[in-house]
Amino acid sequence: MSFTSLTSIFAHKAHQRAIGAAQIVYEAQKVVGGDGQVLTFKNGNLRLSVKSSVAANQIKINQTALIEKINQELGRALVKKIYFRVGS
């Protein structure tokens, strides 16, 4: 019987989470496109920076559809809410 050290298990899990967050940001940026720049993803919250209040309003109006599209691309419901700020 072989054993795996706890250190290697935790390192592997941390690596999986990092890849997951990077993939979420990548997929979200593809869906959002030129309307915004994905800043971060944490605890189901996606944070964007948008160039104008018009773009912010469009994202707000389409927030549910954007979340559904992002989660569809990811294959599971990870994004729960989109927050955004106007400016760079």
PDB file of N, CA and C in Angstrom:
ATOM      1  N   MET A   1       0.844  -1.159   0.000  1.00  0.00           N
ATOM      2  CA  MET A   1       0.000   0.000   0.000  1.00  0.00           C
ATOM      3  C   MET A   1       0.903   1.240   0.000  1.00  0.00           C
ATOM      4  N   SER A   2       0.578   2.207  -0.893  1.00  0.00           N
ATOM      5  CA  SER A   2       1.389   3.425  -0.932  1.00  0.00           C
ATOM      6  C   SER A   2       0.611   4.577  -0.297  1.00  0.00           C
ATOM      7  N   PHE A   3       1.357   5.515   0.266  1.00  0.00           N
ATOM      8  CA  PHE A   3       0.764   6.674   0.915  1.00  0.00           C
ATOM      9  C   PHE A   3       1.220   7.946   0.213  1.00  0.00           C
ATOM     10  N   THR A   4       0.359   8.940   0.229  1.00  0.00           N
ATOM     11  CA  THR A   4       0.692  10.244  -0.332  1.00  0.00           C
ATOM     12  C   THR A   4       0.796  11.224   0.823  1.00  0.00           C
ATOM     13  N   SER A   5       1.845  12.018   0.816  1.00  0.00           N
ATOM     14  CA  SER A   5       2.032  12.962   1.922  1.00  0.00           C
ATOM     15  C   SER A   5       0.965  14.049   1.887  1.00  0.00           C
ATOM     16  N   LEU A   6       0.612  14.557   3.057  1.00  0.00           N
ATOM     17  CA  LEU A   6      -0.367  15.642   3.148  1.00  0.00           C
ATOM     18  C   LEU A   6       0.130  16.883   2.428  1.00  0.00           C
ATOM     19  N   THR A   7       1.421  17.135   2.479  1.00  0.00           N
ATOM     20  CA  THR A   7       1.988  18.307   1.812  1.00  0.00           C
ATOM     21  C   THR A   7       1.713  18.263   0.321  1.00  0.00           C
ATOM     22  N   SER A   8       1.914  17.099  -0.299  1.00  0.00           N
ATOM     23  CA  SER A   8       1.681  17.001  -1.743  1.00  0.00           C
ATOM     24  C   SER A   8       0.195  17.093  -2.073  1.00  0.00           C
ATOM     25  N   ILE A   9      -0.663  16.577  -1.200  1.00  0.00           N
ATOM     26  CA  ILE A   9      -2.107  16.689  -1.426  1.00  0.00           C
ATOM     27  C   ILE A   9      -2.537  18.146  -1.371  1.00  0.00           C
ATOM     28  N   PHE A  10      -2.097  18.887  -0.341  1.00  0.00           N
ATOM     29  CA  PHE A  10      -2.464  20.301  -0.222  1.00  0.00           C
ATOM     30  C   PHE A  10      -1.884  21.125  -1.361  1.00  0.00           C
ATOM     31  N   ALA A  11      -0.677  20.823  -1.778  1.00  0.00           N
ATOM     32  CA  ALA A  11      -0.063  21.550  -2.891  1.00  0.00           C
ATOM     33  C   ALA A  11      -0.866  21.320  -4.169  1.00  0.00           C
ATOM     34  N   HIS A  12      -1.290  20.096  -4.384  1.00  0.00           N
ATOM     35  CA  HIS A  12      -2.091  19.770  -5.573  1.00  0.00           C
ATOM     36  C   HIS A  12      -3.431  20.506  -5.546  1.00  0.00           C
ATOM     37  N   LYS A  13      -4.100  20.519  -4.407  1.00  0.00           N
ATOM     38  CA  LYS A  13      -5.392  21.216  -4.275  1.00  0.00           C
ATOM     39  C   LYS A  13      -5.216  22.710  -4.509  1.00  0.00           C
ATOM     40  N   ALA A  14      -4.179  23.318  -3.975  1.00  0.00           N
ATOM     41  CA  ALA A  14      -3.926  24.752  -4.176  1.00  0.00           C
ATOM     42  C   ALA A  14      -3.684  25.037  -5.649  1.00  0.00           C
ATOM     43  N   HIS A  15      -2.971  24.152  -6.322  1.00  0.00           N
ATOM     44  CA  HIS A  15      -2.699  24.317  -7.755  1.00  0.00           C
ATOM     45  C   HIS A  15      -4.006  24.233  -8.550  1.00  0.00           C
ATOM     46  N   GLN A  16      -4.891  23.318  -8.193  1.00  0.00           N
ATOM     47  CA  GLN A  16      -6.175  23.197  -8.880  1.00  0.00           C
ATOM     48  C   GLN A  16      -7.000  24.465  -8.714  1.00  0.00           C
ATOM     49  N   ARG A  17      -7.020  25.066  -7.508  1.00  0.00           N
ATOM     50  CA  ARG A  17      -7.782  26.295  -7.276  1.00  0.00           C
ATOM     51  C   ARG A  17      -7.224  27.429  -8.113  1.00  0.00           C
ATOM     52  N   ALA A  18      -5.907  27.548  -8.202  1.00  0.00           N
ATOM     53  CA  ALA A  18      -5.299  28.622  -8.982  1.00  0.00           C
ATOM     54  C   ALA A  18      -5.661  28.478 -10.462  1.00  0.00           C
ATOM     55  N   ILE A  19      -5.606  27.282 -10.973  1.00  0.00           N
ATOM     56  CA  ILE A  19      -5.977  27.054 -12.366  1.00  0.00           C
ATOM     57  C   ILE A  19      -7.456  27.387 -12.549  1.00  0.00           C
ATOM     58  N   GLY A  20      -8.295  27.011 -11.605  1.00  0.00           N
ATOM     59  CA  GLY A  20      -9.717  27.296 -11.682  1.00  0.00           C
ATOM     60  C   GLY A  20      -9.999  28.788 -11.751  1.00  0.00           C
ATOM     61  N   ALA A  21      -9.361  29.575 -10.907  1.00  0.00           N
ATOM     62  CA  ALA A  21      -9.574  31.021 -10.905  1.00  0.00           C
ATOM     63  C   ALA A  21      -9.098  31.634 -12.217  1.00  0.00           C
ATOM     64  N   ALA A  22      -7.960  31.179 -12.703  1.00  0.00           N
ATOM     65  CA  ALA A  22      -7.444  31.696 -13.974  1.00  0.00           C
ATOM     66  C   ALA A  22      -8.388  31.358 -15.124  1.00  0.00           C
ATOM     67  N   GLN A  23      -8.926  30.166 -15.108  1.00  0.00           N
ATOM     68  CA  GLN A  23      -9.857  29.762 -16.164  1.00  0.00           C
ATOM     69  C   GLN A  23     -11.145  30.580 -16.079  1.00  0.00           C
ATOM     70  N   ILE A  24     -11.623  30.849 -14.872  1.00  0.00           N
ATOM     71  CA  ILE A  24     -12.829  31.656 -14.702  1.00  0.00           C
ATOM     72  C   ILE A  24     -12.613  33.050 -15.271  1.00  0.00           C
ATOM     73  N   VAL A  25     -11.485  33.657 -14.934  1.00  0.00           N
ATOM     74  CA  VAL A  25     -11.175  34.996 -15.451  1.00  0.00           C
ATOM     75  C   VAL A  25     -11.084  34.972 -16.966  1.00  0.00           C
ATOM     76  N   TYR A  26     -10.437  33.964 -17.519  1.00  0.00           N
ATOM     77  CA  TYR A  26     -10.288  33.842 -18.971  1.00  0.00           C
ATOM     78  C   TYR A  26     -11.647  33.713 -19.657  1.00  0.00           C
ATOM     79  N   GLU A  27     -12.484  32.797 -19.170  1.00  0.00           N
ATOM     80  CA  GLU A  27     -13.799  32.585 -19.782  1.00  0.00           C
ATOM     81  C   GLU A  27     -14.685  33.817 -19.626  1.00  0.00           C
ATOM     82  N   ALA A  28     -14.626  34.453 -18.465  1.00  0.00           N
ATOM     83  CA  ALA A  28     -15.429  35.657 -18.238  1.00  0.00           C
ATOM     84  C   ALA A  28     -15.008  36.770 -19.183  1.00  0.00           C
ATOM     85  N   GLN A  29     -13.708  36.921 -19.411  1.00  0.00           N
ATOM     86  CA  GLN A  29     -13.233  37.963 -20.314  1.00  0.00           C
ATOM     87  C   GLN A  29     -13.712  37.705 -21.735  1.00  0.00           C
ATOM     88  N   LYS A  30     -13.745  36.446 -22.153  1.00  0.00           N
ATOM     89  CA  LYS A  30     -14.265  36.115 -23.481  1.00  0.00           C
ATOM     90  C   LYS A  30     -15.730  36.514 -23.602  1.00  0.00           C
ATOM     91  N   VAL A  31     -16.513  36.271 -22.562  1.00  0.00           N
ATOM     92  CA  VAL A  31     -17.943  36.582 -22.591  1.00  0.00           C
ATOM     93  C   VAL A  31     -18.170  38.093 -22.521  1.00  0.00           C
ATOM     94  N   VAL A  32     -17.462  38.762 -21.651  1.00  0.00           N
ATOM     95  CA  VAL A  32     -17.631  40.214 -21.479  1.00  0.00           C
ATOM     96  C   VAL A  32     -17.105  40.960 -22.700  1.00  0.00           C
ATOM     97  N   GLY A  33     -16.037  40.464 -23.270  1.00  0.00           N
ATOM     98  CA  GLY A  33     -15.456  41.082 -24.467  1.00  0.00           C
ATOM     99  C   GLY A  33     -14.919  42.475 -24.196  1.00  0.00           C
ATOM    100  N   GLY A  34     -15.150  43.387 -25.142  1.00  0.00           N
ATOM    101  CA  GLY A  34     -14.612  44.737 -25.043  1.00  0.00           C
ATOM    102  C   GLY A  34     -15.390  45.653 -24.118  1.00  0.00           C
ATOM    103  N   ASP A  35     -16.497  45.155 -23.554  1.00  0.00           N
ATOM    104  CA  ASP A  35     -17.299  45.992 -22.665  1.00  0.00           C
ATOM    105  C   ASP A  35     -16.651  46.220 -21.312  1.00  0.00           C
ATOM    106  N   GLY A  36     -15.700  45.378 -20.938  1.00  0.00           N
ATOM    107  CA  GLY A  36     -15.072  45.520 -19.630  1.00  0.00           C
ATOM    108  C   GLY A  36     -13.812  44.698 -19.522  1.00  0.00           C
ATOM    109  N   GLN A  37     -13.088  44.938 -18.453  1.00  0.00           N
ATOM    110  CA  GLN A  37     -11.871  44.199 -18.152  1.00  0.00           C
ATOM    111  C   GLN A  37     -12.090  43.447 -16.844  1.00  0.00           C
ATOM    112  N   VAL A  38     -11.928  42.137 -16.875  1.00  0.00           N
ATOM    113  CA  VAL A  38     -12.079  41.350 -15.659  1.00  0.00           C
ATOM    114  C   VAL A  38     -10.900  41.641 -14.746  1.00  0.00           C
ATOM    115  N   LEU A  39     -11.204  42.005 -13.503  1.00  0.00           N
ATOM    116  CA  LEU A  39     -10.155  42.308 -12.532  1.00  0.00           C
ATOM    117  C   LEU A  39      -9.857  41.111 -11.640  1.00  0.00           C
ATOM    118  N   THR A  40     -10.887  40.579 -10.984  1.00  0.00           N
ATOM    119  CA  THR A  40     -10.687  39.468 -10.056  1.00  0.00           C
ATOM    120  C   THR A  40     -11.910  38.571 -10.006  1.00  0.00           C
ATOM    121  N   PHE A  41     -11.693  37.372  -9.466  1.00  0.00           N
ATOM    122  CA  PHE A  41     -12.774  36.458  -9.131  1.00  0.00           C
ATOM    123  C   PHE A  41     -12.474  35.889  -7.762  1.00  0.00           C
ATOM    124  N   LYS A  42     -13.449  35.999  -6.858  1.00  0.00           N
ATOM    125  CA  LYS A  42     -13.266  35.450  -5.514  1.00  0.00           C
ATOM    126  C   LYS A  42     -14.629  35.175  -4.899  1.00  0.00           C
ATOM    127  N   ASN A  43     -14.791  33.992  -4.335  1.00  0.00           N
ATOM    128  CA  ASN A  43     -16.014  33.604  -3.619  1.00  0.00           C
ATOM    129  C   ASN A  43     -17.282  33.815  -4.436  1.00  0.00           C
ATOM    130  N   GLY A  44     -17.233  33.509  -5.712  1.00  0.00           N
ATOM    131  CA  GLY A  44     -18.402  33.634  -6.571  1.00  0.00           C
ATOM    132  C   GLY A  44     -18.635  35.031  -7.125  1.00  0.00           C
ATOM    133  N   ASN A  45     -17.801  35.974  -6.740  1.00  0.00           N
ATOM    134  CA  ASN A  45     -17.948  37.365  -7.180  1.00  0.00           C
ATOM    135  C   ASN A  45     -16.919  37.710  -8.245  1.00  0.00           C
ATOM    136  N   LEU A  46     -17.415  38.175  -9.372  1.00  0.00           N
ATOM    137  CA  LEU A  46     -16.569  38.589 -10.484  1.00  0.00           C
ATOM    138  C   LEU A  46     -16.515  40.120 -10.480  1.00  0.00           C
ATOM    139  N   ARG A  47     -15.331  40.685 -10.490  1.00  0.00           N
ATOM    140  CA  ARG A  47     -15.176  42.135 -10.479  1.00  0.00           C
ATOM    141  C   ARG A  47     -14.618  42.601 -11.821  1.00  0.00           C
ATOM    142  N   LEU A  48     -15.316  43.621 -12.383  1.00  0.00           N
ATOM    143  CA  LEU A  48     -14.952  44.167 -13.683  1.00  0.00           C
ATOM    144  C   LEU A  48     -14.660  45.652 -13.570  1.00  0.00           C
ATOM    145  N   SER A  49     -13.864  46.130 -14.495  1.00  0.00           N
ATOM    146  CA  SER A  49     -13.675  47.560 -14.705  1.00  0.00           C
ATOM    147  C   SER A  49     -14.244  47.865 -16.078  1.00  0.00           C
ATOM    148  N   VAL A  50     -15.110  48.887 -16.155  1.00  0.00           N
ATOM    149  CA  VAL A  50     -15.699  49.283 -17.428  1.00  0.00           C
ATOM    150  C   VAL A  50     -15.312  50.718 -17.734  1.00  0.00           C
ATOM    151  N   LYS A  51     -15.304  51.056 -19.024  1.00  0.00           N
ATOM    152  CA  LYS A  51     -14.821  52.367 -19.449  1.00  0.00           C
ATOM    153  C   LYS A  51     -15.822  53.494 -19.249  1.00  0.00           C
ATOM    154  N   SER A  52     -17.114  53.161 -19.249  1.00  0.00           N
ATOM    155  CA  SER A  52     -18.115  54.231 -19.185  1.00  0.00           C
ATOM    156  C   SER A  52     -19.340  53.783 -18.407  1.00  0.00           C
ATOM    157  N   SER A  53     -20.143  54.746 -18.029  1.00  0.00           N
ATOM    158  CA  SER A  53     -21.390  54.427 -17.335  1.00  0.00           C
ATOM    159  C   SER A  53     -22.365  53.718 -18.274  1.00  0.00           C
ATOM    160  N   VAL A  54     -22.256  53.977 -19.572  1.00  0.00           N
ATOM    161  CA  VAL A  54     -23.096  53.284 -20.550  1.00  0.00           C
ATOM    162  C   VAL A  54     -22.767  51.788 -20.544  1.00  0.00           C
ATOM    163  N   ALA A  55     -21.481  51.455 -20.553  1.00  0.00           N
ATOM    164  CA  ALA A  55     -21.059  50.049 -20.508  1.00  0.00           C
ATOM    165  C   ALA A  55     -21.487  49.409 -19.188  1.00  0.00           C
ATOM    166  N   ALA A  56     -21.374  50.156 -18.088  1.00  0.00           N
ATOM    167  CA  ALA A  56     -21.803  49.647 -16.783  1.00  0.00           C
ATOM    168  C   ALA A  56     -23.297  49.344 -16.789  1.00  0.00           C
ATOM    169  N   ASN A  57     -24.066  50.222 -17.380  1.00  0.00           N
ATOM    170  CA  ASN A  57     -25.506  50.018 -17.457  1.00  0.00           C
ATOM    171  C   ASN A  57     -25.851  48.785 -18.289  1.00  0.00           C
ATOM    172  N   GLN A  58     -25.141  48.589 -19.404  1.00  0.00           N
ATOM    173  CA  GLN A  58     -25.367  47.412 -20.253  1.00  0.00           C
ATOM    174  C   GLN A  58     -25.071  46.126 -19.484  1.00  0.00           C
ATOM    175  N   ILE A  59     -23.983  46.142 -18.726  1.00  0.00           N
ATOM    176  CA  ILE A  59     -23.633  44.956 -17.944  1.00  0.00           C
ATOM    177  C   ILE A  59     -24.680  44.715 -16.866  1.00  0.00           C
ATOM    178  N   LYS A  60     -25.126  45.785 -16.219  1.00  0.00           N
ATOM    179  CA  LYS A  60     -26.144  45.643 -15.179  1.00  0.00           C
ATOM    180  C   LYS A  60     -27.434  45.059 -15.753  1.00  0.00           C
ATOM    181  N   ILE A  61     -27.858  45.562 -16.888  1.00  0.00           N
ATOM    182  CA  ILE A  61     -29.083  45.076 -17.531  1.00  0.00           C
ATOM    183  C   ILE A  61     -28.948  43.600 -17.916  1.00  0.00           C
ATOM    184  N   ASN A  62     -27.781  43.213 -18.409  1.00  0.00           N
ATOM    185  CA  ASN A  62     -27.551  41.851 -18.914  1.00  0.00           C
ATOM    186  C   ASN A  62     -26.837  40.949 -17.915  1.00  0.00           C
ATOM    187  N   GLN A  63     -26.774  41.341 -16.656  1.00  0.00           N
ATOM    188  CA  GLN A  63     -25.998  40.610 -15.657  1.00  0.00           C
ATOM    189  C   GLN A  63     -26.401  39.141 -15.557  1.00  0.00           C
ATOM    190  N   THR A  64     -27.669  38.856 -15.477  1.00  0.00           N
ATOM    191  CA  THR A  64     -28.120  37.460 -15.344  1.00  0.00           C
ATOM    192  C   THR A  64     -27.702  36.633 -16.548  1.00  0.00           C
ATOM    193  N   ALA A  65     -27.886  37.167 -17.738  1.00  0.00           N
ATOM    194  CA  ALA A  65     -27.499  36.447 -18.956  1.00  0.00           C
ATOM    195  C   ALA A  65     -25.982  36.253 -19.024  1.00  0.00           C
ATOM    196  N   LEU A  66     -25.226  37.260 -18.621  1.00  0.00           N
ATOM    197  CA  LEU A  66     -23.760  37.143 -18.622  1.00  0.00           C
ATOM    198  C   LEU A  66     -23.305  36.057 -17.651  1.00  0.00           C
ATOM    199  N   ILE A  67     -23.882  36.046 -16.457  1.00  0.00           N
ATOM    200  CA  ILE A  67     -23.520  35.028 -15.463  1.00  0.00           C
ATOM    201  C   ILE A  67     -23.854  33.639 -15.996  1.00  0.00           C
ATOM    202  N   GLU A  68     -25.030  33.489 -16.582  1.00  0.00           N
ATOM    203  CA  GLU A  68     -25.410  32.188 -17.140  1.00  0.00           C
ATOM    204  C   GLU A  68     -24.461  31.748 -18.242  1.00  0.00           C
ATOM    205  N   LYS A  69     -24.081  32.667 -19.115  1.00  0.00           N
ATOM    206  CA  LYS A  69     -23.166  32.343 -20.216  1.00  0.00           C
ATOM    207  C   LYS A  69     -21.786  31.946 -19.697  1.00  0.00           C
ATOM    208  N   ILE A  70     -21.273  32.706 -18.734  1.00  0.00           N
ATOM    209  CA  ILE A  70     -19.960  32.388 -18.159  1.00  0.00           C
ATOM    210  C   ILE A  70     -20.002  31.008 -17.508  1.00  0.00           C
ATOM    211  N   ASN A  71     -21.021  30.759 -16.696  1.00  0.00           N
ATOM    212  CA  ASN A  71     -21.136  29.466 -16.019  1.00  0.00           C
ATOM    213  C   ASN A  71     -21.333  28.325 -17.010  1.00  0.00           C
ATOM    214  N   GLN A  72     -22.039  28.590 -18.104  1.00  0.00           N
ATOM    215  CA  GLN A  72     -22.201  27.579 -19.149  1.00  0.00           C
ATOM    216  C   GLN A  72     -20.840  27.240 -19.762  1.00  0.00           C
ATOM    217  N   GLU A  73     -20.039  28.249 -20.032  1.00  0.00           N
ATOM    218  CA  GLU A  73     -18.704  28.021 -20.593  1.00  0.00           C
ATOM    219  C   GLU A  73     -17.819  27.238 -19.619  1.00  0.00           C
ATOM    220  N   LEU A  74     -18.010  27.472 -18.319  1.00  0.00           N
ATOM    221  CA  LEU A  74     -17.206  26.790 -17.296  1.00  0.00           C
ATOM    222  C   LEU A  74     -17.709  25.376 -17.011  1.00  0.00           C
ATOM    223  N   GLY A  75     -18.966  25.119 -17.349  1.00  0.00           N
ATOM    224  CA  GLY A  75     -19.525  23.800 -17.104  1.00  0.00           C
ATOM    225  C   GLY A  75     -20.117  23.622 -15.725  1.00  0.00           C
ATOM    226  N   ARG A  76     -20.119  24.671 -14.913  1.00  0.00           N
ATOM    227  CA  ARG A  76     -20.756  24.633 -13.594  1.00  0.00           C
ATOM    228  C   ARG A  76     -20.972  26.049 -13.087  1.00  0.00           C
ATOM    229  N   ALA A  77     -21.854  26.189 -12.134  1.00  0.00           N
ATOM    230  CA  ALA A  77     -22.235  27.514 -11.628  1.00  0.00           C
ATOM    231  C   ALA A  77     -21.241  27.998 -10.577  1.00  0.00           C
ATOM    232  N   LEU A  78     -20.248  28.750 -11.026  1.00  0.00           N
ATOM    233  CA  LEU A  78     -19.242  29.290 -10.117  1.00  0.00           C
ATOM    234  C   LEU A  78     -19.415  30.789  -9.896  1.00  0.00           C
ATOM    235  N   VAL A  79     -19.818  31.503 -10.937  1.00  0.00           N
ATOM    236  CA  VAL A  79     -20.013  32.954 -10.827  1.00  0.00           C
ATOM    237  C   VAL A  79     -21.427  33.209 -10.319  1.00  0.00           C
ATOM    238  N   LYS A  80     -21.528  33.939  -9.227  1.00  0.00           N
ATOM    239  CA  LYS A  80     -22.832  34.236  -8.617  1.00  0.00           C
ATOM    240  C   LYS A  80     -23.254  35.689  -8.832  1.00  0.00           C
ATOM    241  N   LYS A  81     -22.293  36.602  -8.843  1.00  0.00           N
ATOM    242  CA  LYS A  81     -22.597  38.031  -8.898  1.00  0.00           C
ATOM    243  C   LYS A  81     -21.488  38.743  -9.647  1.00  0.00           C
ATOM    244  N   ILE A  82     -21.865  39.796 -10.384  1.00  0.00           N
ATOM    245  CA  ILE A  82     -20.893  40.636 -11.074  1.00  0.00           C
ATOM    246  C   ILE A  82     -20.920  42.020 -10.445  1.00  0.00           C
ATOM    247  N   TYR A  83     -19.756  42.485 -10.040  1.00  0.00           N
ATOM    248  CA  TYR A  83     -19.581  43.842  -9.546  1.00  0.00           C
ATOM    249  C   TYR A  83     -18.729  44.581 -10.557  1.00  0.00           C
ATOM    250  N   PHE A  84     -18.943  45.871 -10.702  1.00  0.00           N
ATOM    251  CA  PHE A  84     -18.151  46.623 -11.669  1.00  0.00           C
ATOM    252  C   PHE A  84     -17.922  48.042 -11.177  1.00  0.00           C
ATOM    253  N   ARG A  85     -16.888  48.629 -11.728  1.00  0.00           N
ATOM    254  CA  ARG A  85     -16.588  50.030 -11.460  1.00  0.00           C
ATOM    255  C   ARG A  85     -16.304  50.716 -12.769  1.00  0.00           C
ATOM    256  N   VAL A  86     -16.634  51.983 -12.819  1.00  0.00           N
ATOM    257  CA  VAL A  86     -16.376  52.760 -14.010  1.00  0.00           C
ATOM    258  C   VAL A  86     -15.001  53.402 -13.882  1.00  0.00           C
ATOM    259  N   GLY A  87     -14.207  53.276 -14.931  1.00  0.00           N
ATOM    260  CA  GLY A  87     -12.847  53.815 -14.926  1.00  0.00           C
ATOM    261  C   GLY A  87     -11.834  52.717 -15.057  1.00  0.00           C
ATOM    262  N   SER A  88     -10.587  53.108 -15.273  1.00  0.00           N
ATOM    263  CA  SER A  88      -9.552  52.097 -15.469  1.00  0.00           C
ATOM    264  C   SER A  88      -8.827  51.715 -14.240  1.00  0.00           C
TER     265      SER A  88
END
